[in-house]
Structure formats: structure tokens, C-alpha cells
Amino acid sequence: MTRFPFFRLLSLVLIVGGLSACAGDKDKDKLPPEEPVEKLYNDASSLMDRGEYSDAAKKFAEVERQHPYSQWATRAQIMEAYADYQNLDYDAAIKAINAFIDLHPGNAEIAYAYYLRALCNYERIADVRRDQGFAHDSLKDLQEVISRFPDSPYAKDAVIKTALVNDHLAGADMEVGRWYVGQKLYIAAIARFRNVVEKYQTTSHVPEALERLVECYLALGITDEAKATTAVLGFNFPGSDWYQDAYSLLVKEHLTPESNSESWIGQVWHGVF
């Protein structure tokens, strides 16, 4: 077997090492020069004030890189996340926030960090016809702010935004449910409308969801559920147009609203409304 001479191996190591050192020197040349921590932080703050958020985020990151153990580094982390948020770079902001939460769970700014993460998802909520992943992520984050920091100044706004997100998610289910009705896919539509009634009961979509359920039940010949759902709709929203529509549908079928404790709606509506 041919042996590889040791001096050749040593020479190869030295050559590779030399190349690595050269590459390291080049990388080092690309890094910003070392600066006093106060200057770095103040420069980053000035960039924020001028609305130069991308450059500000980079400058705050330099504070942490150059002075990782200073008291400024911790503050710079959350400011980097805020700069990314202002720059609409939500993925970068969430990455910085998650690092801050992991490293500084007891920091005075921890409540704000959770709130800022919720905002990053909240502001990416698309219209009701698109995927609602960001809406669900936002809802989870907002509820975490409320449960972890109920006395913080961010909890009140989180409660308001939670209601808005729930309304949005209910609207998304309604949009899909209506489409199913248009395609005469009544069982699939019922699943969407029931979800609105069960999960988003405090939203403005509930009266329509109940009326749409009546439509679907009648289309499928499930008259007992149709009568019971109309009764619940009339009891809770007696003056609404949705009740009038549901009542008219029953009359056309020679039916009247009738409570039924054994029906699906009869079993859940006491805990819903």
C-alpha cells in the first residue's frame, strides 16, 4: 500500500491553514471597526430617529457583537427587533425577539418582547380568502401576552386585538362556508358554520352562521336541527334580518322554530350565548 509521507501531509496542513488564515483576514476586514459601545448605540438610535430602520438594526446588532457583555447589549437586542419590525422585516424581528426571550426571560422589557412578537404576526394577517397561519400565530402570541403579563400596559391592547383576530378568523370560516353552500356541499358548509358558533361566539358573524346552518339543514332535510337552530337564533337575535330570513325559510317548509335540548345547537347554545 502506498504510504503518504508525513512531511507532505504536514505541508498540506500548513497550506490549508494558511488559506484559512487568509480567508479569516479577509472576513475580518469586512467587519465594521471596533467602536465604543455608547457611540454605537447612539448612532443606531439616530438612525432610528431618521427612519433608516435597516441600517439601525445592523448597528444595534453591532452593539451586541462588539460588546456582548455590556449592559447596552441586552437593550440593543430588543431595539434591533424593533428596528426590523419598523422595517417590516417581521421574520428578522421575530428571530431577534426569540433570542431575547431565550436569553433574558427576567428582563424588565420581557413583556414588550412578547407583545412585539404578537404584533409581527398580527400585522401580517392577510384577507379572509388566504391562509390564516399568521392569524392563528398572532392569536396564540396575544393570548400569551394576556396570560403572562395581565397587569402590563400591553395586555389591554392584546385583548382588543384578540377580539379583532377572532372576528377575522370567523370571517374566514364564513367565507369558506358560503363557497361550500354555493357548490351545494352542505355538510362541509355546516362544519364551517358550526365552528363559528362554537369557537367565535362573541363575534359579529354568529347570527349569519346560525341562519346559514338553517339553510344547510333544510337543504339536507334535517328539519329538527333547522327548527332548533332557528329557535336559538330568534331567542338571541330576535330583531336581526338573519332571524327573519331563517324564519321565512321555515315557513316555506311549513315548519316553525322549536327548541330541542337533544339537538346539537340545543346542547351547546346555553354555554355559547
C-alpha atoms as a PDB file:
ATOM      1  CA  MET A   1       0.000   0.000   0.000  1.00  0.00           C
ATOM      2  CA  THR A   2       1.360   3.427  -0.926  1.00  0.00           C
ATOM      3  CA  ARG A   3       2.111   5.496   2.149  1.00  0.00           C
ATOM      4  CA  PHE A   4       1.528   9.217   2.260  1.00  0.00           C
ATOM      5  CA  PRO A   5       4.777  10.830   3.537  1.00  0.00           C
ATOM      6  CA  PHE A   6       4.334  12.733   6.773  1.00  0.00           C
ATOM      7  CA  PHE A   7       6.168  15.833   5.512  1.00  0.00           C
ATOM      8  CA  ARG A   8       3.748  16.033   2.552  1.00  0.00           C
ATOM      9  CA  LEU A   9       0.782  15.789   4.937  1.00  0.00           C
ATOM     10  CA  LEU A  10       2.295  18.474   7.153  1.00  0.00           C
ATOM     11  CA  SER A  11       2.867  20.714   4.145  1.00  0.00           C
ATOM     12  CA  LEU A  12      -0.751  20.236   3.078  1.00  0.00           C
ATOM     13  CA  VAL A  13      -1.990  21.150   6.547  1.00  0.00           C
ATOM     14  CA  LEU A  14       0.169  24.263   6.551  1.00  0.00           C
ATOM     15  CA  ILE A  15      -1.081  25.291   3.117  1.00  0.00           C
ATOM     16  CA  VAL A  16      -4.736  24.770   4.102  1.00  0.00           C
ATOM     17  CA  GLY A  17      -4.123  26.572   7.358  1.00  0.00           C
ATOM     18  CA  GLY A  18      -2.554  29.450   5.520  1.00  0.00           C
ATOM     19  CA  LEU A  19      -5.508  29.699   3.151  1.00  0.00           C
ATOM     20  CA  SER A  20      -7.903  29.644   6.095  1.00  0.00           C
ATOM     21  CA  ALA A  21      -5.934  32.383   7.816  1.00  0.00           C
ATOM     22  CA  CYS A  22      -6.035  34.486   4.651  1.00  0.00           C
ATOM     23  CA  ALA A  23      -9.760  33.942   4.340  1.00  0.00           C
ATOM     24  CA  GLY A  24     -10.148  34.845   8.003  1.00  0.00           C
ATOM     25  CA  ASP A  25      -8.165  38.039   7.471  1.00  0.00           C
ATOM     26  CA  LYS A  26     -10.374  38.966   4.540  1.00  0.00           C
ATOM     27  CA  ASP A  27     -13.534  38.313   6.584  1.00  0.00           C
ATOM     28  CA  LYS A  28     -12.120  40.365   9.405  1.00  0.00           C
ATOM     29  CA  ASP A  29     -11.522  43.238   7.007  1.00  0.00           C
ATOM     30  CA  LYS A  30     -15.207  43.139   6.067  1.00  0.00           C
ATOM     31  CA  LEU A  31     -16.365  43.581   9.659  1.00  0.00           C
ATOM     32  CA  PRO A  32     -17.058  47.120  10.915  1.00  0.00           C
ATOM     33  CA  PRO A  33     -14.269  48.580  13.026  1.00  0.00           C
ATOM     34  CA  GLU A  34     -14.466  48.358  16.782  1.00  0.00           C
ATOM     35  CA  GLU A  35     -16.192  51.379  18.333  1.00  0.00           C
ATOM     36  CA  PRO A  36     -17.103  52.455  21.873  1.00  0.00           C
ATOM     37  CA  VAL A  37     -20.403  50.942  22.936  1.00  0.00           C
ATOM     38  CA  GLU A  38     -22.005  54.305  23.706  1.00  0.00           C
ATOM     39  CA  LYS A  39     -21.180  55.612  20.237  1.00  0.00           C
ATOM     40  CA  LEU A  40     -22.552  52.504  18.529  1.00  0.00           C
ATOM     41  CA  TYR A  41     -25.800  52.637  20.466  1.00  0.00           C
ATOM     42  CA  ASN A  42     -26.282  56.375  19.967  1.00  0.00           C
ATOM     43  CA  ASP A  43     -25.557  56.057  16.245  1.00  0.00           C
ATOM     44  CA  ALA A  44     -28.144  53.291  15.993  1.00  0.00           C
ATOM     45  CA  SER A  45     -30.684  55.432  17.845  1.00  0.00           C
ATOM     46  CA  SER A  46     -30.012  58.327  15.485  1.00  0.00           C
ATOM     47  CA  LEU A  47     -30.638  56.067  12.509  1.00  0.00           C
ATOM     48  CA  MET A  48     -33.951  55.034  14.077  1.00  0.00           C
ATOM     49  CA  ASP A  49     -34.939  58.665  14.526  1.00  0.00           C
ATOM     50  CA  ARG A  50     -34.256  59.277  10.825  1.00  0.00           C
ATOM     51  CA  GLY A  51     -36.333  56.277   9.801  1.00  0.00           C
ATOM     52  CA  GLU A  52     -33.330  54.349   8.492  1.00  0.00           C
ATOM     53  CA  TYR A  53     -34.530  51.149  10.121  1.00  0.00           C
ATOM     54  CA  SER A  54     -32.476  48.603   8.177  1.00  0.00           C
ATOM     55  CA  ASP A  55     -29.213  50.369   8.997  1.00  0.00           C
ATOM     56  CA  ALA A  56     -30.357  50.887  12.575  1.00  0.00           C
ATOM     57  CA  ALA A  57     -30.982  47.150  13.010  1.00  0.00           C
ATOM     58  CA  LYS A  58     -27.489  46.388  11.734  1.00  0.00           C
ATOM     59  CA  LYS A  59     -25.953  48.976  14.059  1.00  0.00           C
ATOM     60  CA  PHE A  60     -27.821  47.594  17.090  1.00  0.00           C
ATOM     61  CA  ALA A  61     -26.592  44.122  16.123  1.00  0.00           C
ATOM     62  CA  GLU A  62     -23.043  45.535  16.161  1.00  0.00           C
ATOM     63  CA  VAL A  63     -23.543  46.661  19.755  1.00  0.00           C
ATOM     64  CA  GLU A  64     -24.173  43.071  20.757  1.00  0.00           C
ATOM     65  CA  ARG A  65     -21.395  41.668  18.565  1.00  0.00           C
ATOM     66  CA  GLN A  66     -18.696  44.083  19.698  1.00  0.00           C
ATOM     67  CA  HIS A  67     -19.762  44.416  23.333  1.00  0.00           C
ATOM     68  CA  PRO A  68     -21.727  41.230  24.175  1.00  0.00           C
ATOM     69  CA  TYR A  69     -21.331  41.535  27.944  1.00  0.00           C
ATOM     70  CA  SER A  70     -22.171  45.202  28.301  1.00  0.00           C
ATOM     71  CA  GLN A  71     -25.443  46.479  29.719  1.00  0.00           C
ATOM     72  CA  TRP A  72     -26.069  48.063  26.325  1.00  0.00           C
ATOM     73  CA  ALA A  73     -26.062  44.706  24.535  1.00  0.00           C
ATOM     74  CA  THR A  74     -29.285  43.477  26.118  1.00  0.00           C
ATOM     75  CA  ARG A  75     -31.135  46.690  25.280  1.00  0.00           C
ATOM     76  CA  ALA A  76     -29.683  46.620  21.773  1.00  0.00           C
ATOM     77  CA  GLN A  77     -31.214  43.185  21.175  1.00  0.00           C
ATOM     78  CA  ILE A  78     -34.776  44.377  21.692  1.00  0.00           C
ATOM     79  CA  MET A  79     -34.057  47.569  19.764  1.00  0.00           C
ATOM     80  CA  GLU A  80     -32.722  45.521  16.856  1.00  0.00           C
ATOM     81  CA  ALA A  81     -36.009  43.614  16.844  1.00  0.00           C
ATOM     82  CA  TYR A  82     -37.979  46.864  16.955  1.00  0.00           C
ATOM     83  CA  ALA A  83     -35.963  48.301  14.061  1.00  0.00           C
ATOM     84  CA  ASP A  84     -36.648  45.176  11.993  1.00  0.00           C
ATOM     85  CA  TYR A  85     -40.334  45.444  12.895  1.00  0.00           C
ATOM     86  CA  GLN A  86     -40.415  49.068  11.761  1.00  0.00           C
ATOM     87  CA  ASN A  87     -38.684  47.999   8.559  1.00  0.00           C
ATOM     88  CA  LEU A  88     -41.480  45.419   8.014  1.00  0.00           C
ATOM     89  CA  ASP A  89     -38.892  42.636   8.194  1.00  0.00           C
ATOM     90  CA  TYR A  90     -41.050  40.567  10.512  1.00  0.00           C
ATOM     91  CA  ASP A  91     -39.104  37.317  10.190  1.00  0.00           C
ATOM     92  CA  ALA A  92     -35.885  39.034  11.275  1.00  0.00           C
ATOM     93  CA  ALA A  93     -37.730  40.769  14.104  1.00  0.00           C
ATOM     94  CA  ILE A  94     -39.193  37.505  15.411  1.00  0.00           C
ATOM     95  CA  LYS A  95     -35.776  35.852  15.247  1.00  0.00           C
ATOM     96  CA  ALA A  96     -34.274  38.644  17.349  1.00  0.00           C
ATOM     97  CA  ILE A  97     -37.211  38.583  19.765  1.00  0.00           C
ATOM     98  CA  ASN A  98     -36.996  34.828  20.290  1.00  0.00           C
ATOM     99  CA  ALA A  99     -33.280  35.158  21.032  1.00  0.00           C
ATOM    100  CA  PHE A 100     -34.022  37.935  23.527  1.00  0.00           C
ATOM    101  CA  ILE A 101     -36.746  35.880  25.260  1.00  0.00           C
ATOM    102  CA  ASP A 102     -34.484  32.830  25.494  1.00  0.00           C
ATOM    103  CA  LEU A 103     -31.520  34.790  26.868  1.00  0.00           C
ATOM    104  CA  HIS A 104     -33.313  37.289  29.116  1.00  0.00           C
ATOM    105  CA  PRO A 105     -36.561  35.790  30.486  1.00  0.00           C
ATOM    106  CA  GLY A 106     -36.419  38.003  33.570  1.00  0.00           C
ATOM    107  CA  ASN A 107     -35.624  41.273  31.814  1.00  0.00           C
ATOM    108  CA  ALA A 108     -37.764  44.319  32.509  1.00  0.00           C
ATOM    109  CA  GLU A 109     -38.640  44.506  28.791  1.00  0.00           C
ATOM    110  CA  ILE A 110     -39.785  40.884  28.510  1.00  0.00           C
ATOM    111  CA  ALA A 111     -43.493  41.775  28.355  1.00  0.00           C
ATOM    112  CA  TYR A 112     -42.818  44.134  25.491  1.00  0.00           C
ATOM    113  CA  ALA A 113     -40.832  41.435  23.696  1.00  0.00           C
ATOM    114  CA  TYR A 114     -43.812  39.062  23.782  1.00  0.00           C
ATOM    115  CA  TYR A 115     -46.115  41.878  22.666  1.00  0.00           C
ATOM    116  CA  LEU A 116     -43.824  42.864  19.788  1.00  0.00           C
ATOM    117  CA  ARG A 117     -43.738  39.259  18.584  1.00  0.00           C
ATOM    118  CA  ALA A 118     -47.532  39.218  18.586  1.00  0.00           C
ATOM    119  CA  LEU A 119     -47.581  42.422  16.533  1.00  0.00           C
ATOM    120  CA  CYS A 120     -45.226  40.910  13.956  1.00  0.00           C
ATOM    121  CA  ASN A 121     -47.774  38.181  13.226  1.00  0.00           C
ATOM    122  CA  TYR A 122     -50.797  40.429  13.700  1.00  0.00           C
ATOM    123  CA  GLU A 123     -49.675  42.845  11.028  1.00  0.00           C
ATOM    124  CA  ARG A 124     -49.161  40.027   8.538  1.00  0.00           C
ATOM    125  CA  ILE A 125     -52.738  38.804   8.695  1.00  0.00           C
ATOM    126  CA  ALA A 126     -53.986  38.544   5.133  1.00  0.00           C
ATOM    127  CA  ASP A 127     -57.554  38.847   3.909  1.00  0.00           C
ATOM    128  CA  VAL A 128     -60.085  36.143   4.791  1.00  0.00           C
ATOM    129  CA  ARG A 129     -59.607  34.367   1.467  1.00  0.00           C
ATOM    130  CA  ARG A 130     -55.985  33.455   2.167  1.00  0.00           C
ATOM    131  CA  ASP A 131     -54.181  31.110   4.507  1.00  0.00           C
ATOM    132  CA  GLN A 132     -54.763  32.143   8.112  1.00  0.00           C
ATOM    133  CA  GLY A 133     -51.487  30.872   9.583  1.00  0.00           C
ATOM    134  CA  PHE A 134     -50.351  34.306  10.707  1.00  0.00           C
ATOM    135  CA  ALA A 135     -53.752  34.966  12.284  1.00  0.00           C
ATOM    136  CA  HIS A 136     -53.504  31.790  14.363  1.00  0.00           C
ATOM    137  CA  ASP A 137     -49.904  32.599  15.333  1.00  0.00           C
ATOM    138  CA  SER A 138     -50.931  36.120  16.284  1.00  0.00           C
ATOM    139  CA  LEU A 139     -53.821  34.838  18.391  1.00  0.00           C
ATOM    140  CA  LYS A 140     -51.510  32.479  20.273  1.00  0.00           C
ATOM    141  CA  ASP A 141     -48.962  35.235  20.886  1.00  0.00           C
ATOM    142  CA  LEU A 142     -51.587  37.754  22.005  1.00  0.00           C
ATOM    143  CA  GLN A 143     -53.102  35.270  24.452  1.00  0.00           C
ATOM    144  CA  GLU A 144     -49.623  34.618  25.831  1.00  0.00           C
ATOM    145  CA  VAL A 145     -49.193  38.352  26.491  1.00  0.00           C
ATOM    146  CA  ILE A 146     -52.544  38.410  28.325  1.00  0.00           C
ATOM    147  CA  SER A 147     -51.855  35.310  30.418  1.00  0.00           C
ATOM    148  CA  ARG A 148     -48.204  36.063  31.256  1.00  0.00           C
ATOM    149  CA  PHE A 149     -48.449  39.811  31.774  1.00  0.00           C
ATOM    150  CA  PRO A 150     -52.066  40.635  32.697  1.00  0.00           C
ATOM    151  CA  ASP A 151     -51.048  43.812  34.547  1.00  0.00           C
ATOM    152  CA  SER A 152     -48.736  45.124  31.839  1.00  0.00           C
ATOM    153  CA  PRO A 153     -49.711  48.079  29.646  1.00  0.00           C
ATOM    154  CA  TYR A 154     -49.692  45.701  26.666  1.00  0.00           C
ATOM    155  CA  ALA A 155     -52.365  43.323  27.950  1.00  0.00           C
ATOM    156  CA  LYS A 156     -55.267  45.710  27.331  1.00  0.00           C
ATOM    157  CA  ASP A 157     -54.324  46.219  23.696  1.00  0.00           C
ATOM    158  CA  ALA A 158     -53.745  42.479  23.345  1.00  0.00           C
ATOM    159  CA  VAL A 159     -57.338  41.867  24.484  1.00  0.00           C
ATOM    160  CA  ILE A 160     -58.642  44.282  21.855  1.00  0.00           C
ATOM    161  CA  LYS A 161     -56.512  42.738  19.119  1.00  0.00           C
ATOM    162  CA  THR A 162     -57.562  39.236  20.196  1.00  0.00           C
ATOM    163  CA  ALA A 163     -61.189  40.168  19.548  1.00  0.00           C
ATOM    164  CA  LEU A 164     -60.247  41.538  16.131  1.00  0.00           C
ATOM    165  CA  VAL A 165     -58.303  38.409  15.225  1.00  0.00           C
ATOM    166  CA  ASN A 166     -61.193  36.190  16.331  1.00  0.00           C
ATOM    167  CA  ASP A 167     -63.549  38.219  14.171  1.00  0.00           C
ATOM    168  CA  HIS A 168     -61.143  37.841  11.268  1.00  0.00           C
ATOM    169  CA  LEU A 169     -60.885  34.068  11.726  1.00  0.00           C
ATOM    170  CA  ALA A 170     -64.654  33.768  11.989  1.00  0.00           C
ATOM    171  CA  GLY A 171     -64.929  35.763   8.783  1.00  0.00           C
ATOM    172  CA  ALA A 172     -62.545  33.350   7.087  1.00  0.00           C
ATOM    173  CA  ASP A 173     -64.714  30.387   8.083  1.00  0.00           C
ATOM    174  CA  MET A 174     -67.814  32.221   6.880  1.00  0.00           C
ATOM    175  CA  GLU A 175     -66.183  32.931   3.510  1.00  0.00           C
ATOM    176  CA  VAL A 176     -65.348  29.269   3.008  1.00  0.00           C
ATOM    177  CA  GLY A 177     -68.744  28.158   4.287  1.00  0.00           C
ATOM    178  CA  ARG A 178     -70.577  30.411   1.826  1.00  0.00           C
ATOM    179  CA  TRP A 179     -68.485  28.995  -1.001  1.00  0.00           C
ATOM    180  CA  TYR A 180     -69.442  25.467   0.041  1.00  0.00           C
ATOM    181  CA  VAL A 181     -73.103  26.465   0.045  1.00  0.00           C
ATOM    182  CA  GLY A 182     -72.713  27.832  -3.479  1.00  0.00           C
ATOM    183  CA  GLN A 183     -71.278  24.444  -4.502  1.00  0.00           C
ATOM    184  CA  LYS A 184     -74.096  22.639  -2.639  1.00  0.00           C
ATOM    185  CA  LEU A 185     -71.521  20.992  -0.371  1.00  0.00           C
ATOM    186  CA  TYR A 186     -73.775  21.384   2.634  1.00  0.00           C
ATOM    187  CA  ILE A 187     -72.036  19.026   5.054  1.00  0.00           C
ATOM    188  CA  ALA A 188     -68.719  20.827   4.577  1.00  0.00           C
ATOM    189  CA  ALA A 189     -70.509  24.175   4.949  1.00  0.00           C
ATOM    190  CA  ILE A 190     -72.157  23.055   8.193  1.00  0.00           C
ATOM    191  CA  ALA A 191     -68.744  22.224   9.666  1.00  0.00           C
ATOM    192  CA  ARG A 192     -67.544  25.794   8.975  1.00  0.00           C
ATOM    193  CA  PHE A 193     -70.651  27.492  10.346  1.00  0.00           C
ATOM    194  CA  ARG A 194     -70.682  25.322  13.441  1.00  0.00           C
ATOM    195  CA  ASN A 195     -67.066  26.229  14.046  1.00  0.00           C
ATOM    196  CA  VAL A 196     -68.009  29.913  14.044  1.00  0.00           C
ATOM    197  CA  VAL A 197     -70.790  29.322  16.577  1.00  0.00           C
ATOM    198  CA  GLU A 198     -68.623  27.181  18.853  1.00  0.00           C
ATOM    199  CA  LYS A 199     -65.242  28.962  18.705  1.00  0.00           C
ATOM    200  CA  TYR A 200     -66.026  32.569  17.787  1.00  0.00           C
ATOM    201  CA  GLN A 201     -69.262  33.086  19.653  1.00  0.00           C
ATOM    202  CA  THR A 202     -68.545  36.683  20.657  1.00  0.00           C
ATOM    203  CA  THR A 203     -68.039  37.846  17.078  1.00  0.00           C
ATOM    204  CA  SER A 204     -70.467  39.625  14.797  1.00  0.00           C
ATOM    205  CA  HIS A 205     -70.641  36.606  12.475  1.00  0.00           C
ATOM    206  CA  VAL A 206     -72.730  34.363  14.747  1.00  0.00           C
ATOM    207  CA  PRO A 207     -76.235  35.460  13.586  1.00  0.00           C
ATOM    208  CA  GLU A 208     -75.360  34.792   9.944  1.00  0.00           C
ATOM    209  CA  ALA A 209     -73.685  31.497  10.852  1.00  0.00           C
ATOM    210  CA  LEU A 210     -76.897  30.349  12.543  1.00  0.00           C
ATOM    211  CA  GLU A 211     -79.024  31.378   9.555  1.00  0.00           C
ATOM    212  CA  ARG A 212     -76.662  29.599   7.169  1.00  0.00           C
ATOM    213  CA  LEU A 213     -76.952  26.477   9.305  1.00  0.00           C
ATOM    214  CA  VAL A 214     -80.731  26.629   8.896  1.00  0.00           C
ATOM    215  CA  GLU A 215     -80.271  26.855   5.118  1.00  0.00           C
ATOM    216  CA  CYS A 216     -77.983  23.831   5.068  1.00  0.00           C
ATOM    217  CA  TYR A 217     -80.117  21.723   7.377  1.00  0.00           C
ATOM    218  CA  LEU A 218     -83.207  22.355   5.273  1.00  0.00           C
ATOM    219  CA  ALA A 219     -81.297  21.559   2.091  1.00  0.00           C
ATOM    220  CA  LEU A 220     -80.356  18.207   3.614  1.00  0.00           C
ATOM    221  CA  GLY A 221     -83.813  17.584   5.059  1.00  0.00           C
ATOM    222  CA  ILE A 222     -82.599  17.768   8.670  1.00  0.00           C
ATOM    223  CA  THR A 223     -85.667  19.622   9.879  1.00  0.00           C
ATOM    224  CA  ASP A 224     -85.274  19.114  13.629  1.00  0.00           C
ATOM    225  CA  GLU A 225     -81.882  20.856  13.632  1.00  0.00           C
ATOM    226  CA  ALA A 226     -83.249  23.594  11.380  1.00  0.00           C
ATOM    227  CA  LYS A 227     -86.137  24.285  13.763  1.00  0.00           C
ATOM    228  CA  ALA A 228     -83.898  24.194  16.839  1.00  0.00           C
ATOM    229  CA  THR A 229     -81.281  26.486  15.276  1.00  0.00           C
ATOM    230  CA  THR A 230     -83.942  28.999  14.249  1.00  0.00           C
ATOM    231  CA  ALA A 231     -85.286  28.967  17.803  1.00  0.00           C
ATOM    232  CA  VAL A 232     -81.828  29.786  19.186  1.00  0.00           C
ATOM    233  CA  LEU A 233     -81.364  32.499  16.560  1.00  0.00           C
ATOM    234  CA  GLY A 234     -84.744  34.054  17.404  1.00  0.00           C
ATOM    235  CA  PHE A 235     -84.102  33.944  21.137  1.00  0.00           C
ATOM    236  CA  ASN A 236     -80.696  35.610  20.939  1.00  0.00           C
ATOM    237  CA  PHE A 237     -81.113  37.880  17.918  1.00  0.00           C
ATOM    238  CA  PRO A 238     -84.862  38.444  17.615  1.00  0.00           C
ATOM    239  CA  GLY A 239     -84.648  41.704  15.694  1.00  0.00           C
ATOM    240  CA  SER A 240     -81.980  40.665  13.207  1.00  0.00           C
ATOM    241  CA  ASP A 241     -82.516  40.235   9.493  1.00  0.00           C
ATOM    242  CA  TRP A 242     -80.837  36.852   9.797  1.00  0.00           C
ATOM    243  CA  TYR A 243     -83.616  35.621  12.070  1.00  0.00           C
ATOM    244  CA  GLN A 244     -86.243  36.920   9.688  1.00  0.00           C
ATOM    245  CA  ASP A 245     -84.559  35.077   6.826  1.00  0.00           C
ATOM    246  CA  ALA A 246     -84.315  31.833   8.801  1.00  0.00           C
ATOM    247  CA  TYR A 247     -87.936  32.122   9.942  1.00  0.00           C
ATOM    248  CA  SER A 248     -89.083  32.674   6.351  1.00  0.00           C
ATOM    249  CA  LEU A 249     -87.219  29.555   5.237  1.00  0.00           C
ATOM    250  CA  LEU A 250     -89.024  27.506   7.869  1.00  0.00           C
ATOM    251  CA  VAL A 251     -92.419  28.921   6.911  1.00  0.00           C
ATOM    252  CA  LYS A 252     -91.846  27.905   3.287  1.00  0.00           C
ATOM    253  CA  GLU A 253     -91.399  24.347   4.529  1.00  0.00           C
ATOM    254  CA  HIS A 254     -94.466  24.640   6.793  1.00  0.00           C
ATOM    255  CA  LEU A 255     -92.251  24.467   9.876  1.00  0.00           C
ATOM    256  CA  THR A 256     -91.931  26.623  12.995  1.00  0.00           C
ATOM    257  CA  PRO A 257     -88.998  27.283  15.356  1.00  0.00           C
ATOM    258  CA  GLU A 258     -88.796  24.709  18.129  1.00  0.00           C
ATOM    259  CA  SER A 259     -86.283  24.303  20.937  1.00  0.00           C
ATOM    260  CA  ASN A 260     -84.727  20.871  21.201  1.00  0.00           C
ATOM    261  CA  SER A 261     -82.343  20.020  24.021  1.00  0.00           C
ATOM    262  CA  GLU A 262     -81.227  16.871  22.203  1.00  0.00           C
ATOM    263  CA  SER A 263     -80.108  18.708  19.070  1.00  0.00           C
ATOM    264  CA  TRP A 264     -76.551  19.894  18.535  1.00  0.00           C
ATOM    265  CA  ILE A 265     -77.470  23.545  18.993  1.00  0.00           C
ATOM    266  CA  GLY A 266     -79.657  22.703  21.966  1.00  0.00           C
ATOM    267  CA  GLN A 267     -76.716  21.134  23.738  1.00  0.00           C
ATOM    268  CA  VAL A 268     -74.280  23.970  23.158  1.00  0.00           C
ATOM    269  CA  TRP A 269     -76.225  27.187  22.975  1.00  0.00           C
ATOM    270  CA  HIS A 270     -76.629  27.684  26.750  1.00  0.00           C
ATOM    271  CA  GLY A 271     -72.848  27.797  27.080  1.00  0.00           C
ATOM    272  CA  VAL A 272     -72.441  29.903  23.980  1.00  0.00           C
ATOM    273  CA  PHE A 273     -74.764  32.855  24.306  1.00  0.00           C
END
